[in-house]
Amino acid sequence: MSFMRPRSLPIRPSRKDTVWPVGSRLYVNCASDENRGVGLTATADDGSVHVMSLTDGIEVEVRAWRPRGAAGTRYCVSACAEGVSGWLASGALRATRVAAPPAERQPAPPLAPQAAHGRRFGEGR
């Protein structure tokens, strides 16, 4: 009788996440609402959880990361100038100090003209 090892699937970050290596110097990304900031979650030695706010463009260094499947990858970062560390969501990080401007949407192409016989798709004879 042979025993088969159970197949375990590796945990992968969702396709929309960018994977940043440990040691990367990145910047906080909260361009959608620059005044609000991004929540940095930290756990103290006594087990209490603290949430601090980092503003857009603050430089951080990646210390660790944790894939969380559909919930999104989380990164343990240290804020270089502020001297605080904690966890951020992957969407709260970017590679440049200044956020890239949003891409302009191209207008939709015009619809194709109707067939010469006068009927539209799906209409009876």
Protein backbone atom coordinates (compact mmCIF):
# COMPACT_ATOMS: atom_id res chain seq x y z
CA MET A 1 0.00 0.00 0.00
CA SER A 2 1.49 3.33 -1.00
CA PHE A 3 0.84 6.56 0.77
CA MET A 4 0.53 9.76 -1.18
CA ARG A 5 1.70 13.03 0.26
CA PRO A 6 -1.07 15.61 0.40
CA ARG A 7 -0.65 18.30 -2.18
CA SER A 8 -0.12 21.64 -0.60
CA LEU A 9 -0.46 24.73 -2.69
CA PRO A 10 1.95 27.58 -2.07
CA ILE A 11 0.48 30.80 -0.77
CA ARG A 12 0.86 33.42 -3.44
CA PRO A 13 0.13 37.12 -3.26
CA SER A 14 -2.89 38.19 -5.25
CA ARG A 15 -2.09 39.21 -8.82
CA LYS A 16 -2.73 42.88 -8.12
CA ASP A 17 -0.10 42.98 -5.35
CA THR A 18 3.46 43.97 -6.07
CA VAL A 19 5.96 41.88 -4.11
CA TRP A 20 8.64 44.01 -2.46
CA PRO A 21 11.81 42.28 -1.21
CA VAL A 22 12.99 42.64 2.38
CA GLY A 23 15.34 45.61 2.66
CA SER A 24 13.55 47.66 -0.02
CA ARG A 25 13.26 51.39 0.57
CA LEU A 26 9.74 52.43 -0.40
CA TYR A 27 7.31 55.28 0.18
CA VAL A 28 3.89 55.41 1.81
CA ASN A 29 1.11 55.57 -0.78
CA CYS A 30 -2.10 57.29 0.22
CA ALA A 31 -2.50 59.55 -2.80
CA SER A 32 -6.28 59.05 -2.88
CA ASP A 33 -6.62 60.98 0.40
CA GLU A 34 -3.32 62.66 1.31
CA ASN A 35 -4.68 64.32 4.47
CA ARG A 36 -5.92 61.10 6.06
CA GLY A 37 -2.74 59.02 5.92
CA VAL A 38 -2.27 55.25 6.08
CA GLY A 39 -2.73 53.16 9.21
CA LEU A 40 0.44 51.48 10.50
CA THR A 41 -0.51 48.65 12.88
CA ALA A 42 1.98 47.79 15.64
CA THR A 43 1.76 45.33 18.54
CA ALA A 44 3.41 46.33 21.82
CA ASP A 45 5.26 43.95 24.15
CA ASP A 46 2.19 43.71 26.39
CA GLY A 47 0.07 42.51 23.44
CA SER A 48 -1.85 45.74 22.90
CA VAL A 49 -2.35 46.89 19.32
CA HIS A 50 -1.59 50.46 18.31
CA VAL A 51 -2.53 52.14 15.08
CA MET A 52 -0.47 55.09 13.93
CA SER A 53 -0.96 57.17 10.82
CA LEU A 54 1.76 57.76 8.22
CA THR A 55 1.30 60.48 5.63
CA ASP A 56 1.86 60.17 1.90
CA GLY A 57 5.49 60.03 0.75
CA ILE A 58 7.16 58.98 4.02
CA GLU A 59 10.13 56.67 3.38
CA VAL A 60 9.95 53.19 4.93
CA GLU A 61 12.12 50.08 4.83
CA VAL A 62 10.60 46.60 4.40
CA ARG A 63 11.57 44.30 7.31
CA ALA A 64 9.31 41.33 6.57
CA TRP A 65 6.21 40.39 4.62
CA ARG A 66 3.30 38.03 5.07
CA PRO A 67 1.16 36.72 2.21
CA ARG A 68 -2.52 36.62 3.10
CA GLY A 69 -4.14 35.31 -0.08
CA ALA A 70 -7.24 37.22 -1.09
CA ALA A 71 -6.87 39.53 1.93
CA GLY A 72 -3.68 40.94 0.38
CA THR A 73 -0.04 40.86 1.34
CA ARG A 74 1.05 42.76 4.47
CA TYR A 75 4.50 44.28 5.00
CA CYS A 76 6.33 44.93 8.25
CA VAL A 77 8.06 48.27 7.72
CA SER A 78 10.14 50.75 9.67
CA ALA A 79 9.53 54.42 9.04
CA CYS A 80 13.05 55.74 8.53
CA ALA A 81 12.68 59.29 9.91
CA GLU A 82 9.92 58.63 12.47
CA GLY A 83 11.56 55.64 14.13
CA VAL A 84 8.34 53.60 14.29
CA SER A 85 7.61 50.18 12.84
CA GLY A 86 4.49 48.17 12.11
CA TRP A 87 2.44 46.50 9.40
CA LEU A 88 1.03 48.04 6.20
CA ALA A 89 -1.07 46.65 3.37
CA SER A 90 0.74 46.22 0.05
CA GLY A 91 -1.41 48.89 -1.61
CA ALA A 92 -0.04 51.43 0.88
CA LEU A 93 3.47 51.23 -0.64
CA ARG A 94 5.01 52.56 -3.85
CA ALA A 95 8.51 52.79 -5.33
CA THR A 96 8.62 56.56 -5.92
CA ARG A 97 8.42 59.46 -3.48
CA VAL A 98 5.78 61.23 -5.59
CA ALA A 99 2.70 59.34 -6.76
CA ALA A 100 2.32 58.87 -10.49
CA PRO A 101 -0.55 60.86 -12.00
CA PRO A 102 -3.62 58.76 -12.77
CA ALA A 103 -3.69 57.45 -16.33
CA GLU A 104 -6.09 59.28 -18.62
CA ARG A 105 -8.93 57.16 -19.85
CA GLN A 106 -9.17 56.77 -23.60
CA PRO A 107 -12.62 57.32 -25.13
CA ALA A 108 -14.43 54.18 -26.18
CA PRO A 109 -14.26 53.38 -29.89
CA PRO A 110 -17.45 54.14 -31.84
CA LEU A 111 -19.93 51.31 -32.26
CA ALA A 112 -19.94 49.41 -35.53
CA PRO A 113 -22.77 50.34 -37.92
CA GLN A 114 -25.78 48.03 -38.07
CA ALA A 115 -26.11 45.43 -40.78
CA ALA A 116 -27.75 46.50 -44.04
CA HIS A 117 -30.73 44.14 -43.60
CA GLY A 118 -32.15 46.35 -40.83
CA ARG A 119 -32.39 43.74 -38.08
CA ARG A 120 -30.35 43.78 -34.95
CA PHE A 121 -28.69 40.75 -33.40
CA GLY A 122 -31.21 38.62 -31.53
CA GLU A 123 -34.33 39.91 -33.30
CA GLY A 124 -36.59 37.42 -34.99
CA ARG A 125 -36.98 37.09 -38.76
